[in-house]
Amino acid sequence: MEPGALTAEQVRAIVDALDEQGIVSMACEVVNLCTPTGAEREMARYLRAAWEGMGLRVEWQEVEAQRPNVIATWRGAGNRKRLMFNGHMDTSNTGREAFLSGIGYKPRAVIQNGMIYGLGIYNMKGALVCYTHAVKALQRAGVRLAGDVLLAGVVGEIEKTQVGEEFTGPEYRGYGAGSHYLVTHGVVPDMCILGEPTDMQLVLGHYGSLWARIVTHGIYVHTAFAEGRQEQTSVRRMYDVLEAIYKWIPQWEKRAAYGGHAGTVNVGCLRGGEPWRASRTPAETEVCLDVRVPPAMPMADARRAVTELVEGLQRRYPDYGIEFETYVSCPGAEIAPGHELVEAVEKAHHLVMGQAPKRATVLWSSDASVLSRYGIPTLNYGPSSGPRDAEGEKVAIRTMVNVTKIYALAAAEICGVAA
């Protein structure tokens, strides 16, 4: 017999099977694990134990030493569509940043006013909790699916990268490192939900990133001998380059407009010289740009646009020794508005929340960039509770419960209920 849809009785059974206290307890436990990029192993161990305890088949992928992906499979009763719930285990920050003092920036869970605060609760350990309890609710309700449900905890998603000889090591290997390993080593779902912090909006598309480094060269000279030579220093030359960059940015904003957003360029790094030796001018100064690229634009076109900017500067300032390189190229991603995954999550959201979810395109990146390149349609939809404030990451308990319900119902819709 063909798999069917959930009955009203099964929907009630799934909703009633949700364990709110279990969701809260697990959320606090995973937040209390300090797992910045490069140190995800303890989170992987936690998830493996939890998923094995549910009777799931668990695979351990050692991406590199001490950095595993962990993937669980809840086998369906038939060879139907396979849905993956994917979430990264690394956190945006380490919890040691002195300038981030709010309780939501620390790897220590705090429950306050119906909210769970703590590092990683919405980016994106909270989603991993919701995935887990969605499957638990289906199991408790006695609902067997026809297709497989995969739960994946992956390393290295946060937007960061190795660069040069100075910034190397696992703590810099992000930007989809874990999901890239996942899909190149046999994990092949039909589609994927990423529970990034979308505030329960359907994020159908997001921008990609091109990181570019521009360098100026100049004289290396002691302050005592720099009189009348400031125009020859790399710092002063960078001033001219920065002025040109800021004049170019509005052009890019127009050219890269997409989904209600203007194209964005962030001047993310400016370096030159040493603070312990201000008596010397630096031989070179660098600026690093994050150029956001809309999903419909090839990365080569974006690089060509930045190259044209730099070549214009090289012609204008031939003595500046201007150098240029790109060192991150992460394409944007999008899913068709009428895709069955979008419709399934939208239907489940409407059933739980009593209204249709909003749809959005965003400027941040996600592992959808990797997954979609491997032919896996991916939707970003997950729990958060408004923008970050001085207190840092937080999610309402009620939001996590509702998202868990929606994940469970959407999984049944996609995978089908076994006859």
Foldseek 3Di string as FASTA:
>chain_A
DDFAADDPLLLVLLLVLFDLVQLVVQLQVLLLDQAAFQQQQVVQVVVVVLQVVVVWDKDWACLDVNFIKIKTKDAAQAAAAEEEEEAESHFQDRQPDPQQDAQQSHSGWDQDPLKTGGTQCQSPVLSLSLLSSLVVSCVSSVFGFHHMYMYMYFGAAHPFAADDPPRDDRSRRHNQSGVLVVVVPPDDGQAYEYAHAPAQAWEFKEWWKWKKKKKWFFDKDFQVPCVPPVCRFQVVLVVVVVVLVVVCQVVQQCVQDDFNGGWDKDFDDKDFDDPVCPRIGGRMIMIMMITIHTQVDDLVVVVVVVVVSQVVVCVVCVSGPMDMDIDDTQGMAGADCPDLLNVLLQVLLCVLVVDGHHYGYYHDHGSNSVCVVVVHHYIHGHFADDDADSNHGMGRSVRSSSVSSSSSSSVCVRRGTDD
